[in-house]
Amino acid sequence: MAGVGRLVDATRALLRGLDALLVALVLVAVLRAPNGSRWAAAAAGGALVAVHVWGRRRVRVHDVSVDVPRGKRPEAIAWMLVDLALWCVLLVTSPAGLWLAFPLVLLQMHVLGPRLGIVAVALTTAGAVVSGSSWRAPGDPALGYVLGPVVGAAVAVGVVLALEALVRESQARQRALDELTAAREHLAEAERDRAVAAERERLAREVHDTLAQGFSAVELLLRSARAALGSDDERAGALVDRARATALDNLAEARRFVRALAPADLAVAALPDALRRVADRVDGQGLHVVARVEGTARPLAAPVETTLLRIAQSALANVRQHADARRADVTLTYLDDRVLLDVVDDGRGFDPAGPASGGGFGLAAIRSRVRELGGTLSLETATGLGTAVAVALPVPRPDDEEGT
């Protein structure tokens, strides 16, 4: 923002310089007025300064962005018209009023912008040419009274347009820099989240494949041993029962540890309830979110449930931030060999072939998660017709899960 700030400060300094120049030239015009019209020149000059002060306080052109249309503000137009009328009176009463043309055209370009400002500059230049020709002494060349106002107006217009072009370019560069910084921060955050999720998944898998499986084996062996003991060996049976209880306690503890490494919503609820909790958090402020479950819900592998929950969170975050939607539906469908997740909104959608389809990190993250588990992702959207995200992940059949 430093470059933009310096240009804005330069614009403000230019306007302050115009204020001082205008007041000085009004004073000169009054002093150079003929004796018979000096009082009229003083009245017109004083009114011009007063209107200028009012306009500077009311319009505050230095606080308006160069990208905002300035020629549509009624107070700005009124200010410039009254300034032009009073200056015409000053031209009639004093030949030195001609010198005010240069600061006036600079001010008109700043206040009215490049379109309406050009019209005001043309009127001011025409007035200066006519006034100069009327005050011209016999024998003076007429070309100077024409070229002087025209060249001065051209210089003023060029200075203002060049300065505003620099401001626009600096603002565009600053916006691009801000977007790049935000993208880098988002990418770094996504990478940190991915690393944390990968480490949690690794630890959960290690615990599940070692401690949990080991305790399950111990409990199964002790159960068999308990069944093989004679009914008269009460002490051996009690020891086996204690061993089984210890193994069961450790198995429960290991499972709690695995759940603690999963997303917080999955740690306290099954996947369908966790999805409803996510939907309830997003619901509100003009967006109604409904979560439904179809088919027979059953426990799935921790990576699958974690991926589905994260995809739902990411898709709903995109709906909240970008879709401008009123309703979103989240549907979790359990099939024999697959689980489906659909997130559909009635928002404004986007062009899948345009930059919106690949410029954000949300869809890229969803694609990456789905690809890691060998699933498929479908995206249906169009501008003004909402968006539908459909994810399908392969899961073992219920019979296979019971067998393992």
Foldseek 3Di string as FASTA:
>chain_A
DVQLVVLLVVVVVVVVVLLVVLLVLLVVQLVQFDPVQSVVSVVLSVVLNVLVVVLCVPQVLSVDALPDQQQPDVSLVVSLVSNLVSLLSSLVGGVSSLVNLLSSLLVLCSRRHDPVSVVSNVVSLVSQLVSCVVPDDPPDDSVCSNVVSVVSNVVSSVVSVVSSVSSVVVVVVVVVVVVVVVVVVVVVVVVVVVVLLVVLVVVLVVLCVPLLVVLVVLLVVLVVVLVPDDPVPVVVNVVSVVSNVVSVVSNVVSVLVSLVSADPLVSVDPLQVSLVVLQVVLDDPQEHEEEEEEDDDDDFDRLVSRLLSVLSNLVSVCCSPPFSFRYWYWYWYDDQFKIKIKIWTQGQWDDCPDCVVPVDVSVVVNVVSLVVQPKDWDWDTDGRGTIMIMIMGTGHGPVVVVVD
